[in-house]
Amino acid sequence: QVQLVESGGGLVQAGDSLRLLCAASGRTLSPYAMGWFRQAPGKEREFVTAISPSSTFTYYADSVKGRFTISRDNAKNTVYLQMNSLKPEDTAIYSCAASLGSYRYTGGYRDWGQGTQVTVSS
């Protein structure tokens, strides 16, 4: 099992940017596909983006495509989520997760962080 800790959340205004970090410990992230998910108040958790183990492939939800960028540094055991042009509807708790399966299979993520709050005011 890999332990994940997110950071970088906060309160920003619409149009601003934030960079989230997901730091791993316990195991190297190298073999894992990594994903970011979010959950807004009163809503189910939804997929945001994912990246393959070697960063070759990425996958984005339509709602964030062109605004968010996922990246990873396996040497630092860290995954990043750069969020630009933030909107109030991006307000949610953002969690990172690890999977030994396909990065595109959202049901395969087994190890989760606690999440970091992102609030976007209008």
PDB file of N, CA and C in Angstrom:
ATOM      1  N   GLN A   1       0.839  -1.180   0.000  1.00  0.00           N
ATOM      2  CA  GLN A   1       0.000   0.000   0.000  1.00  0.00           C
ATOM      3  C   GLN A   1       0.886   1.246   0.000  1.00  0.00           C
ATOM      4  N   VAL A   2       0.465   2.237  -0.743  1.00  0.00           N
ATOM      5  CA  VAL A   2       1.197   3.491  -0.794  1.00  0.00           C
ATOM      6  C   VAL A   2       0.406   4.557  -0.048  1.00  0.00           C
ATOM      7  N   GLN A   3       1.097   5.341   0.777  1.00  0.00           N
ATOM      8  CA  GLN A   3       0.458   6.428   1.506  1.00  0.00           C
ATOM      9  C   GLN A   3       0.565   7.715   0.697  1.00  0.00           C
ATOM     10  N   LEU A   4      -0.547   8.423   0.589  1.00  0.00           N
ATOM     11  CA  LEU A   4      -0.619   9.626  -0.235  1.00  0.00           C
ATOM     12  C   LEU A   4      -1.084  10.809   0.598  1.00  0.00           C
ATOM     13  N   VAL A   5      -0.426  11.952   0.413  1.00  0.00           N
ATOM     14  CA  VAL A   5      -0.801  13.174   1.118  1.00  0.00           C
ATOM     15  C   VAL A   5      -0.876  14.315   0.119  1.00  0.00           C
ATOM     16  N   GLU A   6      -2.044  14.934   0.052  1.00  0.00           N
ATOM     17  CA  GLU A   6      -2.243  16.061  -0.848  1.00  0.00           C
ATOM     18  C   GLU A   6      -1.978  17.385  -0.135  1.00  0.00           C
ATOM     19  N   SER A   7      -1.580  18.372  -0.913  1.00  0.00           N
ATOM     20  CA  SER A   7      -1.393  19.725  -0.390  1.00  0.00           C
ATOM     21  C   SER A   7      -1.585  20.713  -1.528  1.00  0.00           C
ATOM     22  N   GLY A   8      -1.668  21.989  -1.166  1.00  0.00           N
ATOM     23  CA  GLY A   8      -1.752  23.027  -2.177  1.00  0.00           C
ATOM     24  C   GLY A   8      -3.124  23.630  -2.385  1.00  0.00           C
ATOM     25  N   GLY A   9      -4.116  23.081  -1.710  1.00  0.00           N
ATOM     26  CA  GLY A   9      -5.455  23.634  -1.858  1.00  0.00           C
ATOM     27  C   GLY A   9      -5.573  24.990  -1.185  1.00  0.00           C
ATOM     28  N   GLY A  10      -6.703  25.638  -1.410  1.00  0.00           N
ATOM     29  CA  GLY A  10      -6.925  26.923  -0.786  1.00  0.00           C
ATOM     30  C   GLY A  10      -8.139  27.628  -1.353  1.00  0.00           C
ATOM     31  N   LEU A  11      -8.264  28.886  -0.971  1.00  0.00           N
ATOM     32  CA  LEU A  11      -9.369  29.728  -1.437  1.00  0.00           C
ATOM     33  C   LEU A  11      -8.836  30.704  -2.470  1.00  0.00           C
ATOM     34  N   VAL A  12      -9.404  30.664  -3.656  1.00  0.00           N
ATOM     35  CA  VAL A  12      -8.971  31.543  -4.736  1.00  0.00           C
ATOM     36  C   VAL A  12     -10.198  32.139  -5.412  1.00  0.00           C
ATOM     37  N   GLN A  13      -9.940  33.114  -6.278  1.00  0.00           N
ATOM     38  CA  GLN A  13     -11.028  33.720  -7.035  1.00  0.00           C
ATOM     39  C   GLN A  13     -11.127  33.074  -8.418  1.00  0.00           C
ATOM     40  N   ALA A  14     -12.273  33.196  -9.012  1.00  0.00           N
ATOM     41  CA  ALA A  14     -12.477  32.674 -10.358  1.00  0.00           C
ATOM     42  C   ALA A  14     -11.426  33.262 -11.296  1.00  0.00           C
ATOM     43  N   GLY A  15     -10.844  32.387 -12.116  1.00  0.00           N
ATOM     44  CA  GLY A  15      -9.805  32.811 -13.037  1.00  0.00           C
ATOM     45  C   GLY A  15      -8.396  32.602 -12.522  1.00  0.00           C
ATOM     46  N   ASP A  16      -8.267  32.361 -11.232  1.00  0.00           N
ATOM     47  CA  ASP A  16      -6.954  32.146 -10.630  1.00  0.00           C
ATOM     48  C   ASP A  16      -6.446  30.735 -10.921  1.00  0.00           C
ATOM     49  N   SER A  17      -5.232  30.501 -10.455  1.00  0.00           N
ATOM     50  CA  SER A  17      -4.598  29.188 -10.621  1.00  0.00           C
ATOM     51  C   SER A  17      -4.185  28.628  -9.264  1.00  0.00           C
ATOM     52  N   LEU A  18      -4.103  27.307  -9.219  1.00  0.00           N
ATOM     53  CA  LEU A  18      -3.590  26.600  -8.054  1.00  0.00           C
ATOM     54  C   LEU A  18      -2.804  25.394  -8.544  1.00  0.00           C
ATOM     55  N   ARG A  19      -1.817  24.994  -7.746  1.00  0.00           N
ATOM     56  CA  ARG A  19      -1.073  23.781  -8.047  1.00  0.00           C
ATOM     57  C   ARG A  19      -1.158  22.844  -6.854  1.00  0.00           C
ATOM     58  N   LEU A  20      -1.764  21.716  -7.085  1.00  0.00           N
ATOM     59  CA  LEU A  20      -1.876  20.703  -6.041  1.00  0.00           C
ATOM     60  C   LEU A  20      -0.719  19.718  -6.135  1.00  0.00           C
ATOM     61  N   LEU A  21      -0.303  19.230  -4.979  1.00  0.00           N
ATOM     62  CA  LEU A  21       0.734  18.218  -4.914  1.00  0.00           C
ATOM     63  C   LEU A  21       0.197  16.978  -4.224  1.00  0.00           C
ATOM     64  N   CYS A  22       0.681  15.847  -4.654  1.00  0.00           N
ATOM     65  CA  CYS A  22       0.354  14.568  -4.030  1.00  0.00           C
ATOM     66  C   CYS A  22       1.681  13.865  -3.758  1.00  0.00           C
ATOM     67  N   ALA A  23       2.059  13.823  -2.493  1.00  0.00           N
ATOM     68  CA  ALA A  23       3.324  13.207  -2.107  1.00  0.00           C
ATOM     69  C   ALA A  23       3.089  11.787  -1.605  1.00  0.00           C
ATOM     70  N   ALA A  24       3.904  10.868  -2.076  1.00  0.00           N
ATOM     71  CA  ALA A  24       3.745   9.462  -1.708  1.00  0.00           C
ATOM     72  C   ALA A  24       4.858   9.001  -0.782  1.00  0.00           C
ATOM     73  N   SER A  25       4.519   8.062   0.059  1.00  0.00           N
ATOM     74  CA  SER A  25       5.513   7.424   0.912  1.00  0.00           C
ATOM     75  C   SER A  25       5.136   5.954   1.065  1.00  0.00           C
ATOM     76  N   GLY A  26       6.101   5.190   1.523  1.00  0.00           N
ATOM     77  CA  GLY A  26       5.844   3.776   1.730  1.00  0.00           C
ATOM     78  C   GLY A  26       6.276   2.921   0.564  1.00  0.00           C
ATOM     79  N   ARG A  27       6.055   3.427  -0.639  1.00  0.00           N
ATOM     80  CA  ARG A  27       6.466   2.707  -1.839  1.00  0.00           C
ATOM     81  C   ARG A  27       6.777   3.707  -2.924  1.00  0.00           C
ATOM     82  N   THR A  28       7.553   3.303  -3.889  1.00  0.00           N
ATOM     83  CA  THR A  28       7.809   4.157  -5.031  1.00  0.00           C
ATOM     84  C   THR A  28       6.568   4.218  -5.909  1.00  0.00           C
ATOM     85  N   LEU A  29       6.306   5.397  -6.458  1.00  0.00           N
ATOM     86  CA  LEU A  29       5.152   5.571  -7.328  1.00  0.00           C
ATOM     87  C   LEU A  29       5.390   5.061  -8.741  1.00  0.00           C
ATOM     88  N   SER A  30       6.584   4.687  -9.049  1.00  0.00           N
ATOM     89  CA  SER A  30       6.948   4.355 -10.434  1.00  0.00           C
ATOM     90  C   SER A  30       6.003   3.379 -11.128  1.00  0.00           C
ATOM     91  N   PRO A  31       5.539   2.311 -10.481  1.00  0.00           N
ATOM     92  CA  PRO A  31       4.688   1.366 -11.202  1.00  0.00           C
ATOM     93  C   PRO A  31       3.207   1.745 -11.218  1.00  0.00           C
ATOM     94  N   TYR A  32       2.839   2.809 -10.534  1.00  0.00           N
ATOM     95  CA  TYR A  32       1.434   3.149 -10.365  1.00  0.00           C
ATOM     96  C   TYR A  32       0.949   4.168 -11.385  1.00  0.00           C
ATOM     97  N   ALA A  33      -0.252   3.923 -11.906  1.00  0.00           N
ATOM     98  CA  ALA A  33      -1.003   4.989 -12.547  1.00  0.00           C
ATOM     99  C   ALA A  33      -1.535   5.869 -11.427  1.00  0.00           C
ATOM    100  N   MET A  34      -1.581   7.172 -11.686  1.00  0.00           N
ATOM    101  CA  MET A  34      -2.025   8.114 -10.654  1.00  0.00           C
ATOM    102  C   MET A  34      -3.180   8.938 -11.179  1.00  0.00           C
ATOM    103  N   GLY A  35      -4.124   9.175 -10.301  1.00  0.00           N
ATOM    104  CA  GLY A  35      -5.287   9.951 -10.706  1.00  0.00           C
ATOM    105  C   GLY A  35      -5.638  11.008  -9.677  1.00  0.00           C
ATOM    106  N   TRP A  36      -6.361  12.002 -10.143  1.00  0.00           N
ATOM    107  CA  TRP A  36      -6.958  13.008  -9.259  1.00  0.00           C
ATOM    108  C   TRP A  36      -8.478  12.897  -9.401  1.00  0.00           C
ATOM    109  N   PHE A  37      -9.125  12.953  -8.277  1.00  0.00           N
ATOM    110  CA  PHE A  37     -10.574  12.914  -8.225  1.00  0.00           C
ATOM    111  C   PHE A  37     -11.040  14.086  -7.361  1.00  0.00           C
ATOM    112  N   ARG A  38     -12.315  14.441  -7.472  1.00  0.00           N
ATOM    113  CA  ARG A  38     -12.830  15.508  -6.628  1.00  0.00           C
ATOM    114  C   ARG A  38     -14.250  15.204  -6.195  1.00  0.00           C
ATOM    115  N   GLN A  39     -14.600  15.768  -5.051  1.00  0.00           N
ATOM    116  CA  GLN A  39     -15.959  15.605  -4.545  1.00  0.00           C
ATOM    117  C   GLN A  39     -16.458  16.931  -4.011  1.00  0.00           C
ATOM    118  N   ALA A  40     -17.513  17.418  -4.628  1.00  0.00           N
ATOM    119  CA  ALA A  40     -18.143  18.656  -4.194  1.00  0.00           C
ATOM    120  C   ALA A  40     -19.210  18.339  -3.151  1.00  0.00           C
ATOM    121  N   PRO A  41     -19.568  19.318  -2.331  1.00  0.00           N
ATOM    122  CA  PRO A  41     -20.592  19.079  -1.303  1.00  0.00           C
ATOM    123  C   PRO A  41     -21.889  18.571  -1.909  1.00  0.00           C
ATOM    124  N   GLY A  42     -22.398  17.479  -1.362  1.00  0.00           N
ATOM    125  CA  GLY A  42     -23.662  16.927  -1.820  1.00  0.00           C
ATOM    126  C   GLY A  42     -23.588  16.167  -3.131  1.00  0.00           C
ATOM    127  N   LYS A  43     -22.385  15.985  -3.652  1.00  0.00           N
ATOM    128  CA  LYS A  43     -22.242  15.281  -4.927  1.00  0.00           C
ATOM    129  C   LYS A  43     -21.345  14.059  -4.777  1.00  0.00           C
ATOM    130  N   GLU A  44     -21.432  13.162  -5.736  1.00  0.00           N
ATOM    131  CA  GLU A  44     -20.576  11.999  -5.734  1.00  0.00           C
ATOM    132  C   GLU A  44     -19.168  12.381  -6.204  1.00  0.00           C
ATOM    133  N   ARG A  45     -18.223  11.572  -5.794  1.00  0.00           N
ATOM    134  CA  ARG A  45     -16.853  11.787  -6.245  1.00  0.00           C
ATOM    135  C   ARG A  45     -16.775  11.597  -7.751  1.00  0.00           C
ATOM    136  N   GLU A  46     -16.025  12.459  -8.409  1.00  0.00           N
ATOM    137  CA  GLU A  46     -15.893  12.356  -9.853  1.00  0.00           C
ATOM    138  C   GLU A  46     -14.422  12.361 -10.257  1.00  0.00           C
ATOM    139  N   PHE A  47     -14.167  11.702 -11.361  1.00  0.00           N
ATOM    140  CA  PHE A  47     -12.838  11.633 -11.941  1.00  0.00           C
ATOM    141  C   PHE A  47     -12.459  12.989 -12.520  1.00  0.00           C
ATOM    142  N   VAL A  48     -11.186  13.376 -12.330  1.00  0.00           N
ATOM    143  CA  VAL A  48     -10.682  14.626 -12.891  1.00  0.00           C
ATOM    144  C   VAL A  48      -9.649  14.357 -13.981  1.00  0.00           C
ATOM    145  N   THR A  49      -8.611  13.605 -13.622  1.00  0.00           N
ATOM    146  CA  THR A  49      -7.541  13.356 -14.569  1.00  0.00           C
ATOM    147  C   THR A  49      -6.678  12.202 -14.084  1.00  0.00           C
ATOM    148  N   ALA A  50      -5.920  11.604 -14.993  1.00  0.00           N
ATOM    149  CA  ALA A  50      -5.032  10.500 -14.643  1.00  0.00           C
ATOM    150  C   ALA A  50      -3.804  10.526 -15.538  1.00  0.00           C
ATOM    151  N   ILE A  51      -2.765   9.860 -15.054  1.00  0.00           N
ATOM    152  CA  ILE A  51      -1.502   9.807 -15.791  1.00  0.00           C
ATOM    153  C   ILE A  51      -0.922   8.404 -15.673  1.00  0.00           C
ATOM    154  N   SER A  52      -0.344   7.917 -16.753  1.00  0.00           N
ATOM    155  CA  SER A  52       0.245   6.589 -16.750  1.00  0.00           C
ATOM    156  C   SER A  52       1.556   6.592 -15.960  1.00  0.00           C
ATOM    157  N   PRO A  53       2.067   5.431 -15.600  1.00  0.00           N
ATOM    158  CA  PRO A  53       3.260   5.367 -14.743  1.00  0.00           C
ATOM    159  C   PRO A  53       4.473   6.123 -15.269  1.00  0.00           C
ATOM    160  N   SER A  54       4.680   6.079 -16.582  1.00  0.00           N
ATOM    161  CA  SER A  54       5.862   6.739 -17.140  1.00  0.00           C
ATOM    162  C   SER A  54       5.561   8.109 -17.726  1.00  0.00           C
ATOM    163  N   SER A  55       4.358   8.626 -17.460  1.00  0.00           N
ATOM    164  CA  SER A  55       3.908   9.935 -17.954  1.00  0.00           C
ATOM    165  C   SER A  55       3.621   9.961 -19.450  1.00  0.00           C
ATOM    166  N   THR A  56       3.623   8.822 -20.087  1.00  0.00           N
ATOM    167  CA  THR A  56       3.405   8.778 -21.536  1.00  0.00           C
ATOM    168  C   THR A  56       1.986   9.196 -21.897  1.00  0.00           C
ATOM    169  N   PHE A  57       1.027   8.804 -21.071  1.00  0.00           N
ATOM    170  CA  PHE A  57      -0.376   9.053 -21.386  1.00  0.00           C
ATOM    171  C   PHE A  57      -1.050   9.829 -20.258  1.00  0.00           C
ATOM    172  N   THR A  58      -1.935  10.721 -20.653  1.00  0.00           N
ATOM    173  CA  THR A  58      -2.786  11.421 -19.701  1.00  0.00           C
ATOM    174  C   THR A  58      -4.226  11.361 -20.186  1.00  0.00           C
ATOM    175  N   TYR A  59      -5.124  11.621 -19.253  1.00  0.00           N
ATOM    176  CA  TYR A  59      -6.558  11.460 -19.538  1.00  0.00           C
ATOM    177  C   TYR A  59      -7.280  12.482 -18.681  1.00  0.00           C
ATOM    178  N   TYR A  60      -8.199  13.244 -19.294  1.00  0.00           N
ATOM    179  CA  TYR A  60      -8.872  14.322 -18.577  1.00  0.00           C
ATOM    180  C   TYR A  60     -10.384  14.218 -18.728  1.00  0.00           C
ATOM    181  N   ALA A  61     -11.069  14.608 -17.680  1.00  0.00           N
ATOM    182  CA  ALA A  61     -12.509  14.792 -17.777  1.00  0.00           C
ATOM    183  C   ALA A  61     -12.767  15.992 -18.679  1.00  0.00           C
ATOM    184  N   ASP A  62     -13.859  15.956 -19.408  1.00  0.00           N
ATOM    185  CA  ASP A  62     -14.178  17.047 -20.330  1.00  0.00           C
ATOM    186  C   ASP A  62     -14.278  18.382 -19.603  1.00  0.00           C
ATOM    187  N   SER A  63     -14.719  18.349 -18.362  1.00  0.00           N
ATOM    188  CA  SER A  63     -14.953  19.580 -17.616  1.00  0.00           C
ATOM    189  C   SER A  63     -13.666  20.331 -17.289  1.00  0.00           C
ATOM    190  N   VAL A  64     -12.522  19.650 -17.341  1.00  0.00           N
ATOM    191  CA  VAL A  64     -11.256  20.311 -16.984  1.00  0.00           C
ATOM    192  C   VAL A  64     -10.260  20.332 -18.135  1.00  0.00           C
ATOM    193  N   LYS A  65     -10.621  19.715 -19.229  1.00  0.00           N
ATOM    194  CA  LYS A  65      -9.700  19.630 -20.367  1.00  0.00           C
ATOM    195  C   LYS A  65      -9.336  21.029 -20.856  1.00  0.00           C
ATOM    196  N   GLY A  66      -8.041  21.260 -21.045  1.00  0.00           N
ATOM    197  CA  GLY A  66      -7.578  22.564 -21.489  1.00  0.00           C
ATOM    198  C   GLY A  66      -7.289  23.537 -20.361  1.00  0.00           C
ATOM    199  N   ARG A  67      -7.723  23.207 -19.150  1.00  0.00           N
ATOM    200  CA  ARG A  67      -7.489  24.090 -17.991  1.00  0.00           C
ATOM    201  C   ARG A  67      -6.575  23.429 -16.959  1.00  0.00           C
ATOM    202  N   PHE A  68      -6.696  22.130 -16.794  1.00  0.00           N
ATOM    203  CA  PHE A  68      -5.906  21.398 -15.798  1.00  0.00           C
ATOM    204  C   PHE A  68      -4.827  20.583 -16.502  1.00  0.00           C
ATOM    205  N   THR A  69      -3.705  20.413 -15.807  1.00  0.00           N
ATOM    206  CA  THR A  69      -2.613  19.590 -16.325  1.00  0.00           C
ATOM    207  C   THR A  69      -2.065  18.709 -15.206  1.00  0.00           C
ATOM    208  N   ILE A  70      -2.033  17.421 -15.466  1.00  0.00           N
ATOM    209  CA  ILE A  70      -1.451  16.487 -14.511  1.00  0.00           C
ATOM    210  C   ILE A  70      -0.019  16.175 -14.936  1.00  0.00           C
ATOM    211  N   SER A  71       0.848  16.021 -13.956  1.00  0.00           N
ATOM    212  CA  SER A  71       2.231  15.635 -14.231  1.00  0.00           C
ATOM    213  C   SER A  71       2.764  14.875 -13.025  1.00  0.00           C
ATOM    214  N   ARG A  72       3.903  14.275 -13.186  1.00  0.00           N
ATOM    215  CA  ARG A  72       4.477  13.508 -12.091  1.00  0.00           C
ATOM    216  C   ARG A  72       5.987  13.541 -12.164  1.00  0.00           C
ATOM    217  N   ASP A  73       6.605  13.375 -11.013  1.00  0.00           N
ATOM    218  CA  ASP A  73       8.054  13.256 -10.918  1.00  0.00           C
ATOM    219  C   ASP A  73       8.313  12.019 -10.074  1.00  0.00           C
ATOM    220  N   ASN A  74       8.590  10.918 -10.737  1.00  0.00           N
ATOM    221  CA  ASN A  74       8.768   9.660 -10.009  1.00  0.00           C
ATOM    222  C   ASN A  74       9.992   9.699  -9.099  1.00  0.00           C
ATOM    223  N   ALA A  75      10.987  10.471  -9.463  1.00  0.00           N
ATOM    224  CA  ALA A  75      12.177  10.578  -8.617  1.00  0.00           C
ATOM    225  C   ALA A  75      11.840  11.239  -7.281  1.00  0.00           C
ATOM    226  N   LYS A  76      10.858  12.125  -7.311  1.00  0.00           N
ATOM    227  CA  LYS A  76      10.425  12.806  -6.089  1.00  0.00           C
ATOM    228  C   LYS A  76       9.195  12.152  -5.470  1.00  0.00           C
ATOM    229  N   ASN A  77       8.712  11.092  -6.116  1.00  0.00           N
ATOM    230  CA  ASN A  77       7.527  10.402  -5.615  1.00  0.00           C
ATOM    231  C   ASN A  77       6.348  11.356  -5.437  1.00  0.00           C
ATOM    232  N   THR A  78       6.168  12.235  -6.417  1.00  0.00           N
ATOM    233  CA  THR A  78       5.162  13.283  -6.320  1.00  0.00           C
ATOM    234  C   THR A  78       4.393  13.414  -7.625  1.00  0.00           C
ATOM    235  N   VAL A  79       3.115  13.687  -7.473  1.00  0.00           N
ATOM    236  CA  VAL A  79       2.241  13.953  -8.609  1.00  0.00           C
ATOM    237  C   VAL A  79       1.677  15.361  -8.435  1.00  0.00           C
ATOM    238  N   TYR A  80       1.494  16.047  -9.551  1.00  0.00           N
ATOM    239  CA  TYR A  80       1.048  17.438  -9.515  1.00  0.00           C
ATOM    240  C   TYR A  80      -0.248  17.603 -10.303  1.00  0.00           C
ATOM    241  N   LEU A  81      -1.015  18.592  -9.897  1.00  0.00           N
ATOM    242  CA  LEU A  81      -2.188  18.993 -10.663  1.00  0.00           C
ATOM    243  C   LEU A  81      -2.164  20.508 -10.774  1.00  0.00           C
ATOM    244  N   GLN A  82      -1.845  20.990 -11.963  1.00  0.00           N
ATOM    245  CA  GLN A  82      -1.857  22.424 -12.224  1.00  0.00           C
ATOM    246  C   GLN A  82      -3.254  22.791 -12.699  1.00  0.00           C
ATOM    247  N   MET A  83      -3.886  23.702 -11.974  1.00  0.00           N
ATOM    248  CA  MET A  83      -5.249  24.098 -12.291  1.00  0.00           C
ATOM    249  C   MET A  83      -5.274  25.571 -12.651  1.00  0.00           C
ATOM    250  N   ASN A  84      -5.625  25.860 -13.872  1.00  0.00           N
ATOM    251  CA  ASN A  84      -5.698  27.240 -14.359  1.00  0.00           C
ATOM    252  C   ASN A  84      -7.142  27.609 -14.674  1.00  0.00           C
ATOM    253  N   SER A  85      -7.392  28.890 -14.774  1.00  0.00           N
ATOM    254  CA  SER A  85      -8.726  29.392 -15.123  1.00  0.00           C
ATOM    255  C   SER A  85      -9.799  28.738 -14.263  1.00  0.00           C
ATOM    256  N   LEU A  86      -9.576  28.746 -12.974  1.00  0.00           N
ATOM    257  CA  LEU A  86     -10.503  28.062 -12.068  1.00  0.00           C
ATOM    258  C   LEU A  86     -11.877  28.709 -12.081  1.00  0.00           C
ATOM    259  N   LYS A  87     -12.886  27.877 -11.910  1.00  0.00           N
ATOM    260  CA  LYS A  87     -14.276  28.299 -11.907  1.00  0.00           C
ATOM    261  C   LYS A  87     -14.917  27.929 -10.567  1.00  0.00           C
ATOM    262  N   PRO A  88     -15.972  28.614 -10.178  1.00  0.00           N
ATOM    263  CA  PRO A  88     -16.653  28.239  -8.930  1.00  0.00           C
ATOM    264  C   PRO A  88     -17.078  26.774  -8.902  1.00  0.00           C
ATOM    265  N   GLU A  89     -17.424  26.219 -10.046  1.00  0.00           N
ATOM    266  CA  GLU A  89     -17.841  24.816 -10.083  1.00  0.00           C
ATOM    267  C   GLU A  89     -16.688  23.842  -9.894  1.00  0.00           C
ATOM    268  N   ASP A  90     -15.469  24.351  -9.826  1.00  0.00           N
ATOM    269  CA  ASP A  90     -14.322  23.491  -9.502  1.00  0.00           C
ATOM    270  C   ASP A  90     -14.168  23.306  -7.992  1.00  0.00           C
ATOM    271  N   THR A  91     -14.965  24.013  -7.216  1.00  0.00           N
ATOM    272  CA  THR A  91     -14.894  23.901  -5.763  1.00  0.00           C
ATOM    273  C   THR A  91     -15.202  22.475  -5.329  1.00  0.00           C
ATOM    274  N   ALA A  92     -14.268  21.877  -4.577  1.00  0.00           N
ATOM    275  CA  ALA A  92     -14.410  20.483  -4.152  1.00  0.00           C
ATOM    276  C   ALA A  92     -13.217  20.097  -3.284  1.00  0.00           C
ATOM    277  N   ILE A  93     -13.306  18.926  -2.711  1.00  0.00           N
ATOM    278  CA  ILE A  93     -12.146  18.298  -2.088  1.00  0.00           C
ATOM    279  C   ILE A  93     -11.468  17.458  -3.164  1.00  0.00           C
ATOM    280  N   TYR A  94     -10.188  17.718  -3.371  1.00  0.00           N
ATOM    281  CA  TYR A  94      -9.427  17.029  -4.399  1.00  0.00           C
ATOM    282  C   TYR A  94      -8.542  15.966  -3.751  1.00  0.00           C
ATOM    283  N   SER A  95      -8.661  14.755  -4.265  1.00  0.00           N
ATOM    284  CA  SER A  95      -7.890  13.635  -3.725  1.00  0.00           C
ATOM    285  C   SER A  95      -7.090  12.976  -4.835  1.00  0.00           C
ATOM    286  N   CYS A  96      -5.896  12.531  -4.484  1.00  0.00           N
ATOM    287  CA  CYS A  96      -5.129  11.746  -5.434  1.00  0.00           C
ATOM    288  C   CYS A  96      -5.256  10.266  -5.070  1.00  0.00           C
ATOM    289  N   ALA A  97      -5.013   9.426  -6.058  1.00  0.00           N
ATOM    290  CA  ALA A  97      -5.166   7.993  -5.859  1.00  0.00           C
ATOM    291  C   ALA A  97      -4.201   7.247  -6.762  1.00  0.00           C
ATOM    292  N   ALA A  98      -3.870   6.034  -6.349  1.00  0.00           N
ATOM    293  CA  ALA A  98      -2.898   5.217  -7.065  1.00  0.00           C
ATOM    294  C   ALA A  98      -3.529   3.911  -7.509  1.00  0.00           C
ATOM    295  N   SER A  99      -3.113   3.464  -8.691  1.00  0.00           N
ATOM    296  CA  SER A  99      -3.638   2.217  -9.240  1.00  0.00           C
ATOM    297  C   SER A  99      -2.520   1.438  -9.922  1.00  0.00           C
ATOM    298  N   LEU A 100      -2.539   0.146  -9.751  1.00  0.00           N
ATOM    299  CA  LEU A 100      -1.609  -0.718 -10.477  1.00  0.00           C
ATOM    300  C   LEU A 100      -2.230  -1.209 -11.787  1.00  0.00           C
ATOM    301  N   GLY A 101      -3.421  -0.758 -12.071  1.00  0.00           N
ATOM    302  CA  GLY A 101      -4.081  -1.099 -13.319  1.00  0.00           C
ATOM    303  C   GLY A 101      -3.949   0.013 -14.334  1.00  0.00           C
ATOM    304  N   SER A 102      -4.809   0.002 -15.314  1.00  0.00           N
ATOM    305  CA  SER A 102      -4.778   1.012 -16.356  1.00  0.00           C
ATOM    306  C   SER A 102      -5.130   2.391 -15.802  1.00  0.00           C
ATOM    307  N   TYR A 103      -4.440   3.413 -16.283  1.00  0.00           N
ATOM    308  CA  TYR A 103      -4.712   4.766 -15.822  1.00  0.00           C
ATOM    309  C   TYR A 103      -6.130   5.194 -16.211  1.00  0.00           C
ATOM    310  N   ARG A 104      -6.696   4.603 -17.241  1.00  0.00           N
ATOM    311  CA  ARG A 104      -8.022   4.998 -17.714  1.00  0.00           C
ATOM    312  C   ARG A 104      -9.160   4.294 -16.960  1.00  0.00           C
ATOM    313  N   TYR A 105      -8.822   3.250 -16.227  1.00  0.00           N
ATOM    314  CA  TYR A 105      -9.855   2.503 -15.513  1.00  0.00           C
ATOM    315  C   TYR A 105     -10.057   3.131 -14.138  1.00  0.00           C
ATOM    316  N   THR A 106     -11.084   3.983 -14.007  1.00  0.00           N
ATOM    317  CA  THR A 106     -11.250   4.748 -12.783  1.00  0.00           C
ATOM    318  C   THR A 106     -11.645   3.874 -11.597  1.00  0.00           C
ATOM    319  N   GLY A 107     -12.113   2.668 -11.867  1.00  0.00           N
ATOM    320  CA  GLY A 107     -12.485   1.772 -10.781  1.00  0.00           C
ATOM    321  C   GLY A 107     -11.317   1.024 -10.171  1.00  0.00           C
ATOM    322  N   GLY A 108     -10.118   1.218 -10.719  1.00  0.00           N
ATOM    323  CA  GLY A 108      -8.969   0.464 -10.253  1.00  0.00           C
ATOM    324  C   GLY A 108      -8.118   1.166  -9.211  1.00  0.00           C
ATOM    325  N   TYR A 109      -8.515   2.371  -8.824  1.00  0.00           N
ATOM    326  CA  TYR A 109      -7.710   3.125  -7.870  1.00  0.00           C
ATOM    327  C   TYR A 109      -8.016   2.656  -6.455  1.00  0.00           C
ATOM    328  N   ARG A 110      -6.997   2.153  -5.791  1.00  0.00           N
ATOM    329  CA  ARG A 110      -7.196   1.518  -4.491  1.00  0.00           C
ATOM    330  C   ARG A 110      -6.610   2.299  -3.329  1.00  0.00           C
ATOM    331  N   ASP A 111      -5.535   3.020  -3.545  1.00  0.00           N
ATOM    332  CA  ASP A 111      -4.882   3.774  -2.468  1.00  0.00           C
ATOM    333  C   ASP A 111      -5.215   5.255  -2.636  1.00  0.00           C
ATOM    334  N   TRP A 112      -5.712   5.859  -1.539  1.00  0.00           N
ATOM    335  CA  TRP A 112      -6.227   7.222  -1.616  1.00  0.00           C
ATOM    336  C   TRP A 112      -5.617   8.113  -0.548  1.00  0.00           C
ATOM    337  N   GLY A 113      -5.468   9.398  -0.896  1.00  0.00           N
ATOM    338  CA  GLY A 113      -5.105  10.384   0.099  1.00  0.00           C
ATOM    339  C   GLY A 113      -6.352  10.931   0.777  1.00  0.00           C
ATOM    340  N   GLN A 114      -6.149  11.796   1.757  1.00  0.00           N
ATOM    341  CA  GLN A 114      -7.255  12.373   2.518  1.00  0.00           C
ATOM    342  C   GLN A 114      -7.915  13.535   1.791  1.00  0.00           C
ATOM    343  N   GLY A 115      -7.206  14.143   0.881  1.00  0.00           N
ATOM    344  CA  GLY A 115      -7.791  15.223   0.108  1.00  0.00           C
ATOM    345  C   GLY A 115      -7.378  16.603   0.592  1.00  0.00           C
ATOM    346  N   THR A 116      -7.517  17.565  -0.311  1.00  0.00           N
ATOM    347  CA  THR A 116      -7.244  18.963   0.012  1.00  0.00           C
ATOM    348  C   THR A 116      -8.378  19.808  -0.562  1.00  0.00           C
ATOM    349  N   GLN A 117      -8.805  20.791   0.208  1.00  0.00           N
ATOM    350  CA  GLN A 117      -9.966  21.590  -0.182  1.00  0.00           C
ATOM    351  C   GLN A 117      -9.561  22.683  -1.163  1.00  0.00           C
ATOM    352  N   VAL A 118     -10.312  22.777  -2.225  1.00  0.00           N
ATOM    353  CA  VAL A 118     -10.169  23.868  -3.186  1.00  0.00           C
ATOM    354  C   VAL A 118     -11.499  24.612  -3.233  1.00  0.00           C
ATOM    355  N   THR A 119     -11.444  25.901  -2.970  1.00  0.00           N
ATOM    356  CA  THR A 119     -12.649  26.723  -3.007  1.00  0.00           C
ATOM    357  C   THR A 119     -12.408  27.892  -3.954  1.00  0.00           C
ATOM    358  N   VAL A 120     -13.303  28.017  -4.932  1.00  0.00           N
ATOM    359  CA  VAL A 120     -13.192  29.067  -5.935  1.00  0.00           C
ATOM    360  C   VAL A 120     -14.384  30.009  -5.782  1.00  0.00           C
ATOM    361  N   SER A 121     -14.100  31.239  -5.457  1.00  0.00           N
ATOM    362  CA  SER A 121     -15.174  32.221  -5.280  1.00  0.00           C
ATOM    363  C   SER A 121     -15.410  32.966  -6.590  1.00  0.00           C
ATOM    364  N   SER A 122     -16.649  33.402  -6.763  1.00  0.00           N
ATOM    365  CA  SER A 122     -17.004  34.100  -8.011  1.00  0.00           C
ATOM    366  C   SER A 122     -16.783  35.596  -7.893  1.00  0.00           C
TER     367      SER A 122
END
